Amino acid sequence: DGVHRGKGDRVQYSTTYLPLPIIHVDFDLNLRVLESSRALGNPLDTTHAERATRKVADKLERMLFTNTDYTYGGGKIYSYLNHPDRNQVTLATAWDDSSMDGKKIVDDVAKLKKRSLDEYQWGPWELYIPAAYETILDEDYSVSGQSLMTIRERIMKISGILDIKVVDTLPDDNILLVQMSTETVRLVRGLPIQMLEWSSEGGMTSHYKVMTIQVPQIRSDYNGRCGVIHMG
């Protein structure tokens, strides 16, 4: 009848420490350049700002997709490739090996999905591949010598696969299947990407800093189950 009170539960967390480093790139412009732009009415070349912003974004990507970690004050920022609770699957043969074909590649993806399901991670998922495999997936997927579609199109027909993304910072012969949920990964954002400006030397030099505080956090449940499947 809805009157009976159920057991009051609360999610349990273990205590960990997550460093929050500032990622930044600096550049300078002197007064001569600024005054020349103002006097002639020519807009400033924005290459410096674009390059600095791109370098910051590249660092964020490397934090998530390379086998490096950042340790400070007893805490550590893990990537998809080194989180201790990630699920590791052996890559028997590289996808760009001459002995591989479309069916074997699709079988590898199915193996990744099965491992995720075995960990009670139900998807949906995104598949991340290194740059060397990009053109491989554009080859024909054929059955009995008859071309039906590309390998990429066949993989996308697997239920629960949201997308296939090429990551140029992902080491060769490393493949990731990641459940897209906040229980698996989330972005801890302390400060969005922004540019700061200040002057020195009596205004002769203008300094600029493109900076952000954004940290990827790979997560697992209390029993150590994680939605990251790493084949390599």
C-alpha atoms as a PDB file:
ATOM      1  CA  ASP A   1       0.000   0.000   0.000  1.00  0.00           C
ATOM      2  CA  GLY A   2       3.030   2.292  -0.147  1.00  0.00           C
ATOM      3  CA  VAL A   3       3.003   2.978   3.607  1.00  0.00           C
ATOM      4  CA  HIS A   4       5.864   0.647   4.495  1.00  0.00           C
ATOM      5  CA  ARG A   5       9.257   2.428   4.564  1.00  0.00           C
ATOM      6  CA  GLY A   6      11.988   0.899   2.440  1.00  0.00           C
ATOM      7  CA  LYS A   7      15.582   0.521   3.587  1.00  0.00           C
ATOM      8  CA  GLY A   8      17.432   3.841   3.404  1.00  0.00           C
ATOM      9  CA  ASP A   9      20.554   3.341   1.276  1.00  0.00           C
ATOM     10  CA  ARG A  10      23.347   5.695   0.377  1.00  0.00           C
ATOM     11  CA  VAL A  11      26.067   5.374  -2.267  1.00  0.00           C
ATOM     12  CA  GLN A  12      29.429   4.532  -0.698  1.00  0.00           C
ATOM     13  CA  TYR A  13      32.605   6.227  -1.935  1.00  0.00           C
ATOM     14  CA  SER A  14      36.237   5.506  -1.271  1.00  0.00           C
ATOM     15  CA  THR A  15      38.429   8.522  -0.578  1.00  0.00           C
ATOM     16  CA  THR A  16      40.853   9.586  -3.293  1.00  0.00           C
ATOM     17  CA  TYR A  17      42.704  12.786  -4.108  1.00  0.00           C
ATOM     18  CA  LEU A  18      42.497  14.353  -7.575  1.00  0.00           C
ATOM     19  CA  PRO A  19      45.141  16.969  -8.489  1.00  0.00           C
ATOM     20  CA  LEU A  20      43.834  20.046 -10.348  1.00  0.00           C
ATOM     21  CA  PRO A  21      46.762  21.422 -12.393  1.00  0.00           C
ATOM     22  CA  ILE A  22      46.551  24.563 -14.517  1.00  0.00           C
ATOM     23  CA  ILE A  23      47.205  23.934 -18.206  1.00  0.00           C
ATOM     24  CA  HIS A  24      48.476  27.080 -19.918  1.00  0.00           C
ATOM     25  CA  VAL A  25      50.402  28.500 -22.865  1.00  0.00           C
ATOM     26  CA  ASP A  26      51.880  32.014 -22.802  1.00  0.00           C
ATOM     27  CA  PHE A  27      52.802  34.467 -25.570  1.00  0.00           C
ATOM     28  CA  ASP A  28      53.785  38.151 -25.794  1.00  0.00           C
ATOM     29  CA  LEU A  29      53.133  41.087 -28.127  1.00  0.00           C
ATOM     30  CA  ASN A  30      55.187  44.277 -27.966  1.00  0.00           C
ATOM     31  CA  LEU A  31      53.849  47.832 -28.185  1.00  0.00           C
ATOM     32  CA  ARG A  32      55.297  48.376 -31.679  1.00  0.00           C
ATOM     33  CA  VAL A  33      53.177  45.572 -33.106  1.00  0.00           C
ATOM     34  CA  LEU A  34      50.046  46.810 -31.327  1.00  0.00           C
ATOM     35  CA  GLU A  35      50.511  50.456 -32.412  1.00  0.00           C
ATOM     36  CA  SER A  36      51.218  49.427 -36.000  1.00  0.00           C
ATOM     37  CA  SER A  37      47.943  47.526 -36.060  1.00  0.00           C
ATOM     38  CA  ARG A  38      46.028  50.492 -34.619  1.00  0.00           C
ATOM     39  CA  ALA A  39      47.598  53.100 -36.898  1.00  0.00           C
ATOM     40  CA  LEU A  40      47.088  51.140 -40.103  1.00  0.00           C
ATOM     41  CA  GLY A  41      43.720  49.705 -39.147  1.00  0.00           C
ATOM     42  CA  ASN A  42      44.949  46.181 -39.757  1.00  0.00           C
ATOM     43  CA  PRO A  43      43.597  43.458 -37.484  1.00  0.00           C
ATOM     44  CA  LEU A  44      46.152  41.575 -35.408  1.00  0.00           C
ATOM     45  CA  ASP A  45      47.165  38.145 -36.589  1.00  0.00           C
ATOM     46  CA  THR A  46      45.312  35.751 -34.299  1.00  0.00           C
ATOM     47  CA  THR A  47      47.699  32.877 -34.974  1.00  0.00           C
ATOM     48  CA  HIS A  48      49.295  33.215 -31.534  1.00  0.00           C
ATOM     49  CA  ALA A  49      45.990  32.918 -29.693  1.00  0.00           C
ATOM     50  CA  GLU A  50      44.738  30.089 -31.933  1.00  0.00           C
ATOM     51  CA  ARG A  51      47.977  28.135 -31.529  1.00  0.00           C
ATOM     52  CA  ALA A  52      48.002  28.595 -27.744  1.00  0.00           C
ATOM     53  CA  THR A  53      44.389  27.438 -27.444  1.00  0.00           C
ATOM     54  CA  ARG A  54      45.095  24.422 -29.649  1.00  0.00           C
ATOM     55  CA  LYS A  55      48.122  23.460 -27.536  1.00  0.00           C
ATOM     56  CA  VAL A  56      46.019  23.587 -24.374  1.00  0.00           C
ATOM     57  CA  ALA A  57      43.341  21.400 -25.989  1.00  0.00           C
ATOM     58  CA  ASP A  58      46.010  18.968 -27.223  1.00  0.00           C
ATOM     59  CA  LYS A  59      47.334  18.605 -23.692  1.00  0.00           C
ATOM     60  CA  LEU A  60      43.847  17.789 -22.434  1.00  0.00           C
ATOM     61  CA  GLU A  61      43.573  15.067 -25.078  1.00  0.00           C
ATOM     62  CA  ARG A  62      46.986  13.623 -24.219  1.00  0.00           C
ATOM     63  CA  MET A  63      45.962  13.444 -20.559  1.00  0.00           C
ATOM     64  CA  LEU A  64      43.122  11.116 -21.547  1.00  0.00           C
ATOM     65  CA  PHE A  65      44.618   9.038 -24.356  1.00  0.00           C
ATOM     66  CA  THR A  66      48.337   8.524 -23.622  1.00  0.00           C
ATOM     67  CA  ASN A  67      50.021   6.209 -21.176  1.00  0.00           C
ATOM     68  CA  THR A  68      51.196   8.985 -18.880  1.00  0.00           C
ATOM     69  CA  ASP A  69      49.898  10.151 -15.541  1.00  0.00           C
ATOM     70  CA  TYR A  70      50.214  13.283 -13.434  1.00  0.00           C
ATOM     71  CA  THR A  71      51.020  12.858  -9.747  1.00  0.00           C
ATOM     72  CA  TYR A  72      50.958  15.573  -7.134  1.00  0.00           C
ATOM     73  CA  GLY A  73      50.388  15.633  -3.379  1.00  0.00           C
ATOM     74  CA  GLY A  74      49.611  11.944  -3.196  1.00  0.00           C
ATOM     75  CA  GLY A  75      46.963  12.080  -5.929  1.00  0.00           C
ATOM     76  CA  LYS A  76      47.156  10.914  -9.524  1.00  0.00           C
ATOM     77  CA  ILE A  77      45.336  11.764 -12.760  1.00  0.00           C
ATOM     78  CA  TYR A  78      44.904   8.567 -14.753  1.00  0.00           C
ATOM     79  CA  SER A  79      44.271   8.107 -18.460  1.00  0.00           C
ATOM     80  CA  TYR A  80      42.209   5.486 -20.250  1.00  0.00           C
ATOM     81  CA  LEU A  81      45.429   3.524 -20.801  1.00  0.00           C
ATOM     82  CA  ASN A  82      46.696   3.270 -17.239  1.00  0.00           C
ATOM     83  CA  HIS A  83      43.739   3.386 -14.858  1.00  0.00           C
ATOM     84  CA  PRO A  84      44.214   0.428 -12.494  1.00  0.00           C
ATOM     85  CA  ASP A  85      40.584  -0.732 -12.818  1.00  0.00           C
ATOM     86  CA  ARG A  86      40.403  -0.658 -16.615  1.00  0.00           C
ATOM     87  CA  ASN A  87      39.674  -4.000 -18.268  1.00  0.00           C
ATOM     88  CA  GLN A  88      42.515  -5.255 -20.427  1.00  0.00           C
ATOM     89  CA  VAL A  89      42.033  -7.454 -23.487  1.00  0.00           C
ATOM     90  CA  THR A  90      44.888  -8.842 -25.571  1.00  0.00           C
ATOM     91  CA  LEU A  91      45.097  -7.730 -29.193  1.00  0.00           C
ATOM     92  CA  ALA A  92      46.060 -10.950 -30.945  1.00  0.00           C
ATOM     93  CA  THR A  93      46.861  -9.329 -34.303  1.00  0.00           C
ATOM     94  CA  ALA A  94      47.238  -5.677 -35.261  1.00  0.00           C
ATOM     95  CA  TRP A  95      44.400  -4.435 -37.438  1.00  0.00           C
ATOM     96  CA  ASP A  96      46.824  -3.224 -40.118  1.00  0.00           C
ATOM     97  CA  ASP A  97      48.486  -6.658 -40.382  1.00  0.00           C
ATOM     98  CA  SER A  98      48.176  -8.274 -43.795  1.00  0.00           C
ATOM     99  CA  SER A  99      46.467 -11.329 -42.268  1.00  0.00           C
ATOM    100  CA  MET A 100      43.561  -9.297 -40.899  1.00  0.00           C
ATOM    101  CA  ASP A 101      40.250  -8.868 -42.665  1.00  0.00           C
ATOM    102  CA  GLY A 102      36.976  -7.147 -41.894  1.00  0.00           C
ATOM    103  CA  LYS A 103      35.403 -10.093 -40.084  1.00  0.00           C
ATOM    104  CA  LYS A 104      38.364 -10.471 -37.710  1.00  0.00           C
ATOM    105  CA  ILE A 105      38.243  -6.760 -36.891  1.00  0.00           C
ATOM    106  CA  VAL A 106      34.512  -6.926 -36.191  1.00  0.00           C
ATOM    107  CA  ASP A 107      35.131  -9.995 -34.023  1.00  0.00           C
ATOM    108  CA  ASP A 108      37.661  -7.961 -31.984  1.00  0.00           C
ATOM    109  CA  VAL A 109      35.071  -5.233 -31.412  1.00  0.00           C
ATOM    110  CA  ALA A 110      32.512  -7.854 -30.375  1.00  0.00           C
ATOM    111  CA  LYS A 111      35.089  -9.213 -27.905  1.00  0.00           C
ATOM    112  CA  LEU A 112      35.475  -5.718 -26.427  1.00  0.00           C
ATOM    113  CA  LYS A 113      31.718  -5.366 -26.050  1.00  0.00           C
ATOM    114  CA  LYS A 114      31.401  -8.783 -24.397  1.00  0.00           C
ATOM    115  CA  ARG A 115      34.101  -7.859 -21.877  1.00  0.00           C
ATOM    116  CA  SER A 116      32.193  -4.692 -21.036  1.00  0.00           C
ATOM    117  CA  LEU A 117      28.963  -6.646 -20.561  1.00  0.00           C
ATOM    118  CA  ASP A 118      30.795  -9.151 -18.359  1.00  0.00           C
ATOM    119  CA  GLU A 119      31.674  -6.186 -16.112  1.00  0.00           C
ATOM    120  CA  TYR A 120      27.982  -5.156 -15.955  1.00  0.00           C
ATOM    121  CA  GLN A 121      28.699  -2.126 -18.137  1.00  0.00           C
ATOM    122  CA  TRP A 122      25.769  -1.988 -20.537  1.00  0.00           C
ATOM    123  CA  GLY A 123      26.772   0.883 -22.818  1.00  0.00           C
ATOM    124  CA  PRO A 124      26.303   2.784 -24.977  1.00  0.00           C
ATOM    125  CA  TRP A 125      29.936   2.903 -26.059  1.00  0.00           C
ATOM    126  CA  GLU A 126      32.375   4.866 -28.174  1.00  0.00           C
ATOM    127  CA  LEU A 127      35.234   3.107 -29.944  1.00  0.00           C
ATOM    128  CA  TYR A 128      38.592   4.901 -30.060  1.00  0.00           C
ATOM    129  CA  ILE A 129      41.279   3.834 -32.536  1.00  0.00           C
ATOM    130  CA  PRO A 130      44.787   5.130 -33.371  1.00  0.00           C
ATOM    131  CA  ALA A 131      45.424   7.118 -36.546  1.00  0.00           C
ATOM    132  CA  ALA A 132      47.066   4.138 -38.275  1.00  0.00           C
ATOM    133  CA  TYR A 133      43.709   2.298 -38.306  1.00  0.00           C
ATOM    134  CA  GLU A 134      41.677   5.116 -39.857  1.00  0.00           C
ATOM    135  CA  THR A 135      42.041   3.998 -43.475  1.00  0.00           C
ATOM    136  CA  ILE A 136      41.769   0.317 -42.515  1.00  0.00           C
ATOM    137  CA  LEU A 137      38.146   0.835 -41.508  1.00  0.00           C
ATOM    138  CA  ASP A 138      37.370   2.321 -44.930  1.00  0.00           C
ATOM    139  CA  GLU A 139      38.244  -0.956 -46.643  1.00  0.00           C
ATOM    140  CA  ASP A 140      35.496  -3.267 -47.875  1.00  0.00           C
ATOM    141  CA  TYR A 141      33.761  -5.664 -45.531  1.00  0.00           C
ATOM    142  CA  SER A 142      33.016  -8.655 -47.702  1.00  0.00           C
ATOM    143  CA  VAL A 143      31.338 -12.029 -47.316  1.00  0.00           C
ATOM    144  CA  SER A 144      32.220 -14.840 -49.762  1.00  0.00           C
ATOM    145  CA  GLY A 145      34.110 -12.312 -51.851  1.00  0.00           C
ATOM    146  CA  GLN A 146      31.126 -10.001 -52.173  1.00  0.00           C
ATOM    147  CA  SER A 147      31.587  -6.452 -50.894  1.00  0.00           C
ATOM    148  CA  LEU A 148      28.636  -5.425 -48.737  1.00  0.00           C
ATOM    149  CA  MET A 149      29.835  -2.267 -46.931  1.00  0.00           C
ATOM    150  CA  THR A 150      32.949  -0.802 -45.344  1.00  0.00           C
ATOM    151  CA  ILE A 151      34.378  -2.249 -42.144  1.00  0.00           C
ATOM    152  CA  ARG A 152      33.426   0.984 -40.395  1.00  0.00           C
ATOM    153  CA  GLU A 153      29.797   0.641 -41.467  1.00  0.00           C
ATOM    154  CA  ARG A 154      29.730  -2.971 -40.255  1.00  0.00           C
ATOM    155  CA  ILE A 155      31.094  -2.004 -36.823  1.00  0.00           C
ATOM    156  CA  MET A 156      28.476   0.740 -36.509  1.00  0.00           C
ATOM    157  CA  LYS A 157      25.781  -1.922 -36.944  1.00  0.00           C
ATOM    158  CA  ILE A 158      26.813  -3.485 -33.612  1.00  0.00           C
ATOM    159  CA  SER A 159      24.151  -2.524 -31.097  1.00  0.00           C
ATOM    160  CA  GLY A 160      25.227   0.150 -28.644  1.00  0.00           C
ATOM    161  CA  ILE A 161      28.196   1.534 -30.596  1.00  0.00           C
ATOM    162  CA  LEU A 162      27.618   5.293 -30.775  1.00  0.00           C
ATOM    163  CA  ASP A 163      30.653   6.355 -32.795  1.00  0.00           C
ATOM    164  CA  ILE A 164      34.173   5.478 -33.926  1.00  0.00           C
ATOM    165  CA  LYS A 165      36.715   8.206 -33.214  1.00  0.00           C
ATOM    166  CA  VAL A 166      40.296   8.472 -34.417  1.00  0.00           C
ATOM    167  CA  VAL A 167      42.699   9.809 -31.779  1.00  0.00           C
ATOM    168  CA  ASP A 168      46.140  10.749 -33.073  1.00  0.00           C
ATOM    169  CA  THR A 169      47.646  10.705 -29.560  1.00  0.00           C
ATOM    170  CA  LEU A 170      46.524   7.125 -28.963  1.00  0.00           C
ATOM    171  CA  PRO A 171      49.577   4.811 -29.251  1.00  0.00           C
ATOM    172  CA  ASP A 172      49.692   2.376 -32.153  1.00  0.00           C
ATOM    173  CA  ASP A 173      47.829  -0.914 -31.727  1.00  0.00           C
ATOM    174  CA  ASN A 174      45.814   0.339 -28.753  1.00  0.00           C
ATOM    175  CA  ILE A 175      42.015   0.245 -29.009  1.00  0.00           C
ATOM    176  CA  LEU A 176      39.523   1.525 -26.467  1.00  0.00           C
ATOM    177  CA  LEU A 177      35.847   0.822 -25.950  1.00  0.00           C
ATOM    178  CA  VAL A 178      34.444   3.255 -23.386  1.00  0.00           C
ATOM    179  CA  GLN A 179      30.977   3.295 -21.879  1.00  0.00           C
ATOM    180  CA  MET A 180      29.667   6.839 -22.255  1.00  0.00           C
ATOM    181  CA  SER A 181      28.338   7.536 -18.778  1.00  0.00           C
ATOM    182  CA  THR A 182      29.394   9.690 -15.846  1.00  0.00           C
ATOM    183  CA  GLU A 183      29.925   6.478 -13.870  1.00  0.00           C
ATOM    184  CA  THR A 184      32.840   5.743 -16.244  1.00  0.00           C
ATOM    185  CA  VAL A 185      34.362   9.133 -17.026  1.00  0.00           C
ATOM    186  CA  ARG A 186      33.633  12.763 -16.319  1.00  0.00           C
ATOM    187  CA  LEU A 187      35.402  16.075 -16.843  1.00  0.00           C
ATOM    188  CA  VAL A 188      36.174  17.977 -13.659  1.00  0.00           C
ATOM    189  CA  ARG A 189      36.164  21.623 -14.732  1.00  0.00           C
ATOM    190  CA  GLY A 190      37.609  24.220 -12.376  1.00  0.00           C
ATOM    191  CA  LEU A 191      38.140  26.934 -15.006  1.00  0.00           C
ATOM    192  CA  PRO A 192      37.041  26.988 -18.662  1.00  0.00           C
ATOM    193  CA  ILE A 193      39.587  27.877 -21.363  1.00  0.00           C
ATOM    194  CA  GLN A 194      40.171  31.616 -21.272  1.00  0.00           C
ATOM    195  CA  MET A 195      42.848  34.189 -22.094  1.00  0.00           C
ATOM    196  CA  LEU A 196      44.322  36.603 -19.555  1.00  0.00           C
ATOM    197  CA  GLU A 197      46.228  39.796 -20.430  1.00  0.00           C
ATOM    198  CA  TRP A 198      48.610  42.031 -18.487  1.00  0.00           C
ATOM    199  CA  SER A 199      51.355  44.566 -19.267  1.00  0.00           C
ATOM    200  CA  SER A 200      54.930  45.085 -18.141  1.00  0.00           C
ATOM    201  CA  GLU A 201      57.864  47.431 -18.797  1.00  0.00           C
ATOM    202  CA  GLY A 202      55.682  50.496 -18.641  1.00  0.00           C
ATOM    203  CA  GLY A 203      53.194  49.087 -21.117  1.00  0.00           C
ATOM    204  CA  MET A 204      55.856  48.251 -23.716  1.00  0.00           C
ATOM    205  CA  THR A 205      54.993  44.552 -23.649  1.00  0.00           C
ATOM    206  CA  SER A 206      51.613  42.877 -23.423  1.00  0.00           C
ATOM    207  CA  HIS A 207      51.564  39.365 -22.012  1.00  0.00           C
ATOM    208  CA  TYR A 208      48.873  36.787 -22.714  1.00  0.00           C
ATOM    209  CA  LYS A 209      48.098  33.455 -21.082  1.00  0.00           C
ATOM    210  CA  VAL A 210      45.630  30.924 -22.443  1.00  0.00           C
ATOM    211  CA  MET A 211      44.740  28.723 -19.480  1.00  0.00           C
ATOM    212  CA  THR A 212      42.271  26.225 -18.131  1.00  0.00           C
ATOM    213  CA  ILE A 213      41.705  23.873 -15.219  1.00  0.00           C
ATOM    214  CA  GLN A 214      40.088  20.762 -16.654  1.00  0.00           C
ATOM    215  CA  VAL A 215      40.879  17.257 -15.477  1.00  0.00           C
ATOM    216  CA  PRO A 216      39.556  13.936 -16.809  1.00  0.00           C
ATOM    217  CA  GLN A 217      38.446  11.569 -14.065  1.00  0.00           C
ATOM    218  CA  ILE A 218      38.198   7.864 -14.886  1.00  0.00           C
ATOM    219  CA  ARG A 219      35.849   6.156 -12.453  1.00  0.00           C
ATOM    220  CA  SER A 220      34.953   2.674 -11.283  1.00  0.00           C
ATOM    221  CA  ASP A 221      32.351   1.403  -8.869  1.00  0.00           C
ATOM    222  CA  TYR A 222      32.960   0.289  -5.294  1.00  0.00           C
ATOM    223  CA  ASN A 223      33.710  -3.236  -6.516  1.00  0.00           C
ATOM    224  CA  GLY A 224      36.336  -2.015  -8.997  1.00  0.00           C
ATOM    225  CA  ARG A 225      34.197  -2.502 -12.095  1.00  0.00           C
ATOM    226  CA  CYS A 226      35.037   0.015 -14.810  1.00  0.00           C
ATOM    227  CA  GLY A 227      33.480   0.881 -18.169  1.00  0.00           C
ATOM    228  CA  VAL A 228      36.868   1.246 -19.915  1.00  0.00           C
ATOM    229  CA  ILE A 229      37.925  -1.726 -22.064  1.00  0.00           C
ATOM    230  CA  HIS A 230      41.516  -1.510 -23.312  1.00  0.00           C
ATOM    231  CA  MET A 231      42.757  -3.801 -26.075  1.00  0.00           C
ATOM    232  CA  GLY A 232      46.458  -3.669 -26.775  1.00  0.00           C
END
